[in-house]
C-alpha atoms as a PDB file:
ATOM      1  CA  MET A   1     128.399 101.329 121.290  1.00  0.00           C
ATOM      2  CA  LYS A   2     129.817  99.158 118.510  1.00  0.00           C
ATOM      3  CA  ILE A   3     130.755 101.160 115.411  1.00  0.00           C
ATOM      4  CA  LEU A   4     131.212  99.895 111.853  1.00  0.00           C
ATOM      5  CA  ASP A   5     133.513 102.281 109.960  1.00  0.00           C
ATOM      6  CA  LEU A   6     132.831 102.662 106.236  1.00  0.00           C
ATOM      7  CA  THR A   7     134.446 104.917 103.664  1.00  0.00           C
ATOM      8  CA  LEU A   8     132.151 106.343 100.984  1.00  0.00           C
ATOM      9  CA  LYS A   9     132.530 108.226  97.752  1.00  0.00           C
ATOM     10  CA  ALA A  10     131.351 111.837  97.866  1.00  0.00           C
ATOM     11  CA  LYS A  11     128.058 111.194  96.046  1.00  0.00           C
ATOM     12  CA  TRP A  12     126.854 108.503  98.471  1.00  0.00           C
ATOM     13  CA  TYR A  13     128.120 110.352 101.544  1.00  0.00           C
ATOM     14  CA  GLU A  14     126.256 113.510 100.580  1.00  0.00           C
ATOM     15  CA  MET A  15     123.043 111.581  99.835  1.00  0.00           C
ATOM     16  CA  ILE A  16     123.150 109.984 103.294  1.00  0.00           C
ATOM     17  CA  GLU A  17     124.075 113.285 104.915  1.00  0.00           C
ATOM     18  CA  SER A  18     121.083 115.020 103.316  1.00  0.00           C
ATOM     19  CA  GLY A  19     118.746 112.215 104.434  1.00  0.00           C
ATOM     20  CA  GLU A  20     117.898 111.149 100.877  1.00  0.00           C
ATOM     21  CA  LYS A  21     119.675 107.774 101.068  1.00  0.00           C
ATOM     22  CA  LYS A  22     118.474 105.620 103.957  1.00  0.00           C
ATOM     23  CA  GLU A  23     120.527 102.466 103.456  1.00  0.00           C
ATOM     24  CA  GLU A  24     124.006 101.390 102.454  1.00  0.00           C
ATOM     25  CA  TYR A  25     125.025  98.227 100.583  1.00  0.00           C
ATOM     26  CA  ARG A  26     127.873  95.766 100.882  1.00  0.00           C
ATOM     27  CA  GLU A  27     128.518  92.695  98.741  1.00  0.00           C
ATOM     28  CA  ILE A  28     128.052  89.213 100.094  1.00  0.00           C
ATOM     29  CA  ASN A  29     131.643  88.046  99.874  1.00  0.00           C
ATOM     30  CA  PRO A  30     134.072  86.517 102.390  1.00  0.00           C
ATOM     31  CA  TYR A  31     135.289  89.904 103.641  1.00  0.00           C
ATOM     32  CA  TRP A  32     131.856  91.325 104.451  1.00  0.00           C
ATOM     33  CA  VAL A  33     130.386  88.062 105.712  1.00  0.00           C
ATOM     34  CA  LYS A  34     133.227  87.816 108.224  1.00  0.00           C
ATOM     35  CA  ARG A  35     132.749  91.437 109.329  1.00  0.00           C
ATOM     36  CA  ILE A  36     128.959  91.500 109.428  1.00  0.00           C
ATOM     37  CA  VAL A  37     127.784  88.011 110.330  1.00  0.00           C
ATOM     38  CA  PRO A  38     130.042  85.001 110.221  1.00  0.00           C
ATOM     39  CA  CYS A  39     128.246  81.762 109.464  1.00  0.00           C
ATOM     40  CA  THR A  40     129.034  79.086 112.028  1.00  0.00           C
ATOM     41  CA  HIS A  41     127.408  76.213 110.191  1.00  0.00           C
ATOM     42  CA  GLU A  42     129.290  73.272 108.748  1.00  0.00           C
ATOM     43  CA  CYS A  43     128.419  74.347 105.219  1.00  0.00           C
ATOM     44  CA  ALA A  44     131.183  76.943 105.409  1.00  0.00           C
ATOM     45  CA  ASN A  45     133.806  74.384 106.374  1.00  0.00           C
ATOM     46  CA  GLY A  46     136.230  77.276 106.719  1.00  0.00           C
ATOM     47  CA  HIS A  47     136.200  78.076 103.005  1.00  0.00           C
ATOM     48  CA  TRP A  48     134.248  80.376 100.723  1.00  0.00           C
ATOM     49  CA  SER A  49     132.207  78.401  98.238  1.00  0.00           C
ATOM     50  CA  GLU A  50     128.963  78.525  96.291  1.00  0.00           C
ATOM     51  CA  LYS A  51     127.410  76.331  98.982  1.00  0.00           C
ATOM     52  CA  TYR A  52     128.472  78.815 101.679  1.00  0.00           C
ATOM     53  CA  TYR A  53     127.134  81.728  99.642  1.00  0.00           C
ATOM     54  CA  ARG A  54     123.742  79.989  99.333  1.00  0.00           C
ATOM     55  CA  CYS A  55     123.775  79.294 103.067  1.00  0.00           C
ATOM     56  CA  VAL A  56     124.303  82.985 103.856  1.00  0.00           C
ATOM     57  CA  LEU A  57     121.442  83.909 101.512  1.00  0.00           C
ATOM     58  CA  ASN A  58     118.980  81.302 102.810  1.00  0.00           C
ATOM     59  CA  CYS A  59     119.889  80.475 106.387  1.00  0.00           C
ATOM     60  CA  LYS A  60     117.346  81.689 108.961  1.00  0.00           C
ATOM     61  CA  ALA A  61     119.992  81.474 111.684  1.00  0.00           C
ATOM     62  CA  VAL A  62     122.134  83.994 109.800  1.00  0.00           C
ATOM     63  CA  TYR A  63     119.230  86.472 109.610  1.00  0.00           C
ATOM     64  CA  ALA A  64     118.418  85.992 113.277  1.00  0.00           C
ATOM     65  CA  HIS A  65     122.047  86.405 114.331  1.00  0.00           C
ATOM     66  CA  MET A  66     122.487  89.620 112.326  1.00  0.00           C
ATOM     67  CA  ASN A  67     119.746  91.401 114.241  1.00  0.00           C
ATOM     68  CA  ARG A  68     119.367  89.632 117.600  1.00  0.00           C
ATOM     69  CA  HIS A  69     123.074  89.734 118.367  1.00  0.00           C
ATOM     70  CA  PRO A  70     124.353  92.557 116.184  1.00  0.00           C
ATOM     71  CA  ARG A  71     128.063  93.174 115.978  1.00  0.00           C
ATOM     72  CA  TYR A  72     127.390  96.845 115.347  1.00  0.00           C
ATOM     73  CA  THR A  73     124.941  99.390 116.737  1.00  0.00           C
ATOM     74  CA  HIS A  74     126.142 102.358 114.672  1.00  0.00           C
ATOM     75  CA  VAL A  75     127.809 103.152 111.359  1.00  0.00           C
ATOM     76  CA  ARG A  76     130.433 105.869 111.011  1.00  0.00           C
ATOM     77  CA  PHE A  77     130.740 107.055 107.433  1.00  0.00           C
ATOM     78  CA  ARG A  78     133.906 108.736 106.246  1.00  0.00           C
ATOM     79  CA  TYR A  79     133.915 111.146 103.301  1.00  0.00           C
ATOM     80  CA  GLY A  80     136.558 109.458 101.151  1.00  0.00           C
ATOM     81  CA  TYR A  81     139.848 109.376 103.025  1.00  0.00           C
ATOM     82  CA  THR A  82     139.330 112.683 104.809  1.00  0.00           C
ATOM     83  CA  LYS A  83     138.567 113.511 108.456  1.00  0.00           C
ATOM     84  CA  ARG A  84     134.951 114.394 107.627  1.00  0.00           C
ATOM     85  CA  THR A  85     132.621 111.833 109.246  1.00  0.00           C
ATOM     86  CA  MET A  86     129.060 111.279 110.392  1.00  0.00           C
ATOM     87  CA  LEU A  87     127.624 108.718 112.768  1.00  0.00           C
ATOM     88  CA  LEU A  88     124.232 107.047 112.302  1.00  0.00           C
ATOM     89  CA  GLU A  89     122.325 104.355 114.152  1.00  0.00           C
ATOM     90  CA  LEU A  90     122.267 100.969 112.453  1.00  0.00           C
ATOM     91  CA  LYS A  91     118.629  99.901 112.647  1.00  0.00           C
ATOM     92  CA  GLU A  92     118.834  96.565 110.880  1.00  0.00           C
ATOM     93  CA  ILE A  93     120.850  94.449 108.470  1.00  0.00           C
ATOM     94  CA  THR A  94     119.016  92.455 105.830  1.00  0.00           C
ATOM     95  CA  ILE A  95     119.894  90.646 102.629  1.00  0.00           C
ATOM     96  CA  GLY A  96     118.207  91.496  99.344  1.00  0.00           C
ATOM     97  CA  LYS A  97     118.180  93.766  96.333  1.00  0.00           C
ATOM     98  CA  GLY A  98     118.508  97.435  97.155  1.00  0.00           C
ATOM     99  CA  ASN A  99     117.548 100.647  95.395  1.00  0.00           C
ATOM    100  CA  PRO A 100     119.608 101.087  92.181  1.00  0.00           C
ATOM    101  CA  ALA A 101     119.287 104.876  92.502  1.00  0.00           C
ATOM    102  CA  TRP A 102     121.205 104.565  95.773  1.00  0.00           C
ATOM    103  CA  GLY A 103     124.021 102.506  94.257  1.00  0.00           C
ATOM    104  CA  ALA A 104     122.720  98.978  94.795  1.00  0.00           C
ATOM    105  CA  PRO A 105     123.752  96.326  92.256  1.00  0.00           C
ATOM    106  CA  SER A 106     121.191  94.061  90.587  1.00  0.00           C
ATOM    107  CA  TYR A 107     122.006  91.063  92.804  1.00  0.00           C
ATOM    108  CA  ASP A 108     121.523  90.293  96.517  1.00  0.00           C
ATOM    109  CA  VAL A 109     123.668  92.280  98.947  1.00  0.00           C
ATOM    110  CA  PHE A 110     123.803  93.128 102.627  1.00  0.00           C
ATOM    111  CA  ILE A 111     121.494  96.088 103.218  1.00  0.00           C
ATOM    112  CA  LEU A 112     122.439  98.265 106.177  1.00  0.00           C
ATOM    113  CA  LYS A 113     119.297 100.183 107.155  1.00  0.00           C
ATOM    114  CA  LEU A 114     120.206 103.497 108.718  1.00  0.00           C
ATOM    115  CA  GLY A 115     118.531 105.297 111.606  1.00  0.00           C
ATOM    116  CA  LYS A 116     118.912 108.776 112.996  1.00  0.00           C
ATOM    117  CA  ARG A 117     122.118 110.739 113.019  1.00  0.00           C
ATOM    118  CA  CYS A 118     124.089 110.815 116.276  1.00  0.00           C
ATOM    119  CA  ASN A 119     126.408 113.271 117.957  1.00  0.00           C
ATOM    120  CA  ILE A 120     130.028 112.158 117.481  1.00  0.00           C
ATOM    121  CA  THR A 121     131.848 114.609 119.766  1.00  0.00           C
ATOM    122  CA  ASN A 122     132.838 111.965 122.342  1.00  0.00           C
ATOM    123  CA  ILE A 123     133.491 109.075 119.934  1.00  0.00           C
ATOM    124  CA  LYS A 124     136.952 108.125 118.797  1.00  0.00           C
END
């Protein structure tokens, strides 16, 4: 089990906890690209650039890598910086525009599609 740990504000945490919100969003920037799906193509050349950003958005290899060889199988959400957590399956990661009612910006982002909730008693 590979777990991606994310801290959320109360509003988003409670929406996911209630089952209303079924996906979470992260910006396409160097930090999240490196954590979610590093691009191994020459376009990156080791540096963040507009060309690299376009590659992440358009590259079929990036999409395939995100879901055929996922870095993460689950997402553990933390309620702010408290001990309150919940663990959910990570069904899929895509890139696109999300639901604004769920906190998505108006531009393309990583969309983490969430599955069912899991028991976290034996997970550290």
